[in-house]
Amino acid sequence: FIERFQSYSKEYSTLKDATYAALKDAILLNMFPSEITETEISALLHISRTPIREAMLQLSNDGLLEINHGRKAKIRSLTEKDITIVLDSIHHLALMLCIDHASKEDLNDMEETIALISFYTKRKDFHHLHKYNSRFHSQIARASGNIWLLDIMDRLLSYTSVFREYAISRPNRMDVACEEHAAIFQAICNRDKE
């Protein structure tokens, strides 16, 4: 957790944003017990409680923490099963709508992303591969024509980023993911819902 915070401190311009990103990762990776306090986090990171309080409020708005004033904040962890069920359902809905509504411009944007997925797969660069896999799924949701679905997809991709990056780093998973995304793109181009 501390290493993630130090890394995010270099990446983000404010302590609140770095704290938020590190806390979110730690919650999603089940690095904390079931409850945390501002004081505990402050002691770990050696920063004041103000950016921690702001980050925790944002995590509460995201649904990852349940804050009871004067007590510890309860962590509302996502399980791998929760993530899989929700993402699979949202991906399926977005894909069905995308096949019905994708424009030529949407297909061109997706084709570029598929080329980047292939490029980073060959380089075995799972960090960039993960980024373009997420971009591809956002493009599908955007092409669905439903702004609410796009918003939900982008939020879910953000919340599950750590899990999905870990999954893509497993042996042989990059090649399989590349093939899967290419097949999905081909189905979209062929307007083939099956």
Protein backbone atom coordinates (compact mmCIF):
# COMPACT_ATOMS: atom_id res chain seq x y z
CA PHE A 1 0.00 0.00 0.00
CA ILE A 2 2.78 2.43 0.95
CA GLU A 3 4.68 1.70 -2.28
CA ARG A 4 1.55 2.32 -4.35
CA PHE A 5 0.99 5.61 -2.56
CA GLN A 6 4.59 6.69 -3.22
CA SER A 7 4.23 5.78 -6.89
CA TYR A 8 0.90 7.63 -7.20
CA SER A 9 2.42 10.66 -5.41
CA LYS A 10 4.73 11.08 -8.41
CA GLU A 11 1.89 10.56 -10.88
CA TYR A 12 -0.84 12.78 -9.35
CA SER A 13 -0.62 16.48 -8.56
CA THR A 14 -2.41 16.35 -5.17
CA LEU A 15 -2.04 14.22 -2.04
CA LYS A 16 -5.79 13.62 -2.08
CA ASP A 17 -5.65 12.09 -5.58
CA ALA A 18 -2.61 9.94 -4.76
CA THR A 19 -4.24 8.81 -1.52
CA TYR A 20 -7.51 8.04 -3.29
CA ALA A 21 -5.78 5.93 -5.96
CA ALA A 22 -3.67 4.02 -3.42
CA LEU A 23 -6.62 3.42 -1.08
CA LYS A 24 -8.83 2.27 -3.95
CA ASP A 25 -6.20 -0.22 -5.10
CA ALA A 26 -5.70 -1.48 -1.54
CA ILE A 27 -9.45 -1.94 -1.02
CA LEU A 28 -9.93 -3.72 -4.34
CA LEU A 29 -6.95 -6.00 -3.63
CA ASN A 30 -8.21 -6.75 -0.09
CA MET A 31 -5.04 -5.34 1.49
CA PHE A 32 -6.89 -3.95 4.52
CA PRO A 33 -8.93 -5.59 7.25
CA SER A 34 -12.67 -4.95 7.12
CA GLU A 35 -12.37 -1.46 8.67
CA ILE A 36 -9.94 1.47 8.49
CA THR A 37 -9.57 4.92 10.07
CA GLU A 38 -8.09 8.20 8.94
CA THR A 39 -5.62 7.99 11.83
CA GLU A 40 -4.37 4.54 10.77
CA ILE A 41 -3.86 5.66 7.17
CA SER A 42 -2.20 8.90 8.32
CA ALA A 43 0.27 6.91 10.43
CA LEU A 44 1.09 4.59 7.50
CA LEU A 45 1.57 7.34 4.92
CA HIS A 46 2.98 10.07 7.21
CA ILE A 47 0.59 12.70 5.84
CA SER A 48 -2.13 14.81 7.44
CA ARG A 49 -5.65 13.50 7.78
CA THR A 50 -7.23 16.11 5.48
CA PRO A 51 -6.30 14.48 2.11
CA ILE A 52 -7.13 11.11 3.63
CA ARG A 53 -10.56 12.31 4.73
CA GLU A 54 -11.22 13.73 1.24
CA ALA A 55 -10.08 10.49 -0.42
CA MET A 56 -12.20 8.40 1.93
CA LEU A 57 -15.27 10.55 1.19
CA GLN A 58 -14.71 10.01 -2.52
CA LEU A 59 -14.38 6.25 -1.93
CA SER A 60 -17.61 6.40 0.04
CA ASN A 61 -19.30 8.11 -2.92
CA ASP A 62 -17.89 5.36 -5.13
CA GLY A 63 -19.49 2.76 -2.87
CA LEU A 64 -16.23 1.22 -1.68
CA LEU A 65 -16.39 2.55 1.89
CA GLU A 66 -19.20 2.97 4.37
CA ILE A 67 -18.32 5.87 6.63
CA ASN A 68 -19.91 6.16 10.07
CA HIS A 69 -18.71 9.38 11.70
CA GLY A 70 -16.76 8.84 14.89
CA ARG A 71 -16.13 5.18 14.04
CA LYS A 72 -14.07 3.19 11.62
CA ALA A 73 -14.96 3.16 7.94
CA LYS A 74 -16.20 -0.24 6.77
CA ILE A 75 -14.71 -1.57 3.57
CA ARG A 76 -17.20 -2.77 0.98
CA SER A 77 -14.98 -5.16 -0.96
CA LEU A 78 -15.77 -6.57 -4.35
CA THR A 79 -15.25 -10.28 -4.79
CA GLU A 80 -13.94 -11.78 -8.01
CA LYS A 81 -17.36 -13.39 -8.46
CA ASP A 82 -19.11 -9.99 -8.08
CA ILE A 83 -16.81 -8.47 -10.65
CA THR A 84 -17.18 -11.30 -13.14
CA ILE A 85 -20.99 -11.36 -12.99
CA VAL A 86 -21.38 -7.61 -13.38
CA LEU A 87 -18.70 -7.11 -16.03
CA ASP A 88 -19.87 -10.06 -18.12
CA SER A 89 -23.45 -8.77 -18.08
CA ILE A 90 -22.49 -5.18 -18.92
CA HIS A 91 -20.04 -6.29 -21.64
CA HIS A 92 -22.71 -8.49 -23.22
CA LEU A 93 -25.33 -5.73 -23.23
CA ALA A 94 -22.88 -3.17 -24.63
CA LEU A 95 -21.78 -5.60 -27.34
CA MET A 96 -25.34 -6.40 -28.46
CA LEU A 97 -26.20 -2.69 -28.70
CA CYS A 98 -22.89 -1.90 -30.38
CA ILE A 99 -23.55 -4.49 -33.11
CA ASP A 100 -26.86 -2.74 -33.80
CA HIS A 101 -25.56 0.84 -33.69
CA ALA A 102 -21.80 1.03 -34.43
CA SER A 103 -20.93 3.53 -37.14
CA LYS A 104 -18.08 3.30 -39.64
CA GLU A 105 -16.16 5.79 -37.50
CA ASP A 106 -16.70 3.61 -34.40
CA LEU A 107 -15.38 0.59 -36.31
CA ASN A 108 -12.30 2.54 -37.47
CA ASP A 109 -11.54 3.59 -33.88
CA MET A 110 -11.94 0.00 -32.66
CA GLU A 111 -9.73 -1.32 -35.48
CA GLU A 112 -6.96 1.04 -34.38
CA THR A 113 -7.31 -0.18 -30.80
CA ILE A 114 -7.21 -3.83 -31.90
CA ALA A 115 -3.96 -3.09 -33.77
CA LEU A 116 -2.50 -1.60 -30.56
CA ILE A 117 -3.68 -4.61 -28.55
CA SER A 118 -1.89 -6.88 -31.01
CA PHE A 119 1.25 -4.71 -30.92
CA TYR A 120 1.49 -4.71 -27.11
CA THR A 121 0.69 -8.42 -26.93
CA LYS A 122 3.69 -9.16 -29.17
CA ARG A 123 5.85 -6.95 -26.95
CA LYS A 124 4.50 -8.72 -23.82
CA ASP A 125 3.71 -5.31 -22.34
CA PHE A 126 0.77 -6.19 -20.10
CA HIS A 127 0.47 -2.67 -18.68
CA HIS A 128 -0.21 -1.08 -22.09
CA LEU A 129 -2.20 -4.10 -23.20
CA HIS A 130 -4.50 -3.65 -20.21
CA LYS A 131 -4.93 0.05 -21.09
CA TYR A 132 -5.99 -0.74 -24.67
CA ASN A 133 -8.23 -3.64 -23.63
CA SER A 134 -10.09 -1.16 -21.42
CA ARG A 135 -10.19 1.38 -24.22
CA PHE A 136 -11.71 -1.25 -26.55
CA HIS A 137 -14.52 -2.03 -24.08
CA SER A 138 -15.20 1.70 -23.61
CA GLN A 139 -15.38 2.09 -27.39
CA ILE A 140 -17.93 -0.73 -27.56
CA ALA A 141 -20.04 0.96 -24.87
CA ARG A 142 -19.74 4.33 -26.65
CA ALA A 143 -20.81 2.75 -29.95
CA SER A 144 -23.85 1.26 -28.22
CA GLY A 145 -25.38 4.73 -28.34
CA ASN A 146 -26.36 4.64 -24.67
CA ILE A 147 -24.62 7.28 -22.55
CA TRP A 148 -25.70 5.63 -19.28
CA LEU A 149 -24.19 2.34 -20.34
CA LEU A 150 -20.95 4.12 -21.27
CA ASP A 151 -20.84 5.81 -17.85
CA ILE A 152 -21.43 2.52 -16.04
CA MET A 153 -18.84 0.72 -18.19
CA ASP A 154 -16.20 3.39 -17.57
CA ARG A 155 -16.83 3.28 -13.80
CA LEU A 156 -16.66 -0.52 -13.71
CA LEU A 157 -13.48 -0.55 -15.77
CA SER A 158 -11.98 1.95 -13.34
CA TYR A 159 -13.05 0.02 -10.23
CA THR A 160 -11.82 -3.30 -11.59
CA SER A 161 -8.62 -2.04 -13.20
CA VAL A 162 -6.30 -3.62 -10.65
CA PHE A 163 -7.99 -7.03 -10.94
CA ARG A 164 -8.01 -6.96 -14.73
CA GLU A 165 -4.37 -5.87 -15.00
CA TYR A 166 -3.39 -8.72 -12.70
CA ALA A 167 -5.44 -11.18 -14.76
CA ILE A 168 -3.84 -10.10 -18.02
CA SER A 169 -0.36 -10.58 -16.55
CA ARG A 170 -0.88 -14.32 -15.96
CA PRO A 171 1.02 -16.71 -18.26
CA ASN A 172 -0.45 -17.03 -21.78
CA ARG A 173 -3.38 -14.75 -20.90
CA MET A 174 -2.12 -11.91 -23.10
CA ASP A 175 -2.24 -14.02 -26.26
CA VAL A 176 -5.69 -15.39 -25.42
CA ALA A 177 -7.03 -11.90 -24.64
CA CYS A 178 -5.65 -10.58 -27.93
CA GLU A 179 -7.39 -13.38 -29.87
CA GLU A 180 -10.64 -12.81 -27.95
CA HIS A 181 -10.66 -9.09 -28.66
CA ALA A 182 -9.89 -9.65 -32.35
CA ALA A 183 -12.79 -12.13 -32.54
CA ILE A 184 -15.14 -9.68 -30.81
CA PHE A 185 -14.12 -6.95 -33.26
CA GLN A 186 -14.74 -9.27 -36.21
CA ALA A 187 -18.20 -10.13 -34.86
CA ILE A 188 -19.00 -6.42 -34.56
CA CYS A 189 -17.85 -5.81 -38.15
CA ASN A 190 -19.96 -8.76 -39.37
CA ARG A 191 -22.93 -7.65 -37.22
CA ASP A 192 -22.92 -11.19 -35.86
CA LYS A 193 -24.57 -11.40 -32.44
CA GLU A 194 -24.01 -15.13 -32.15
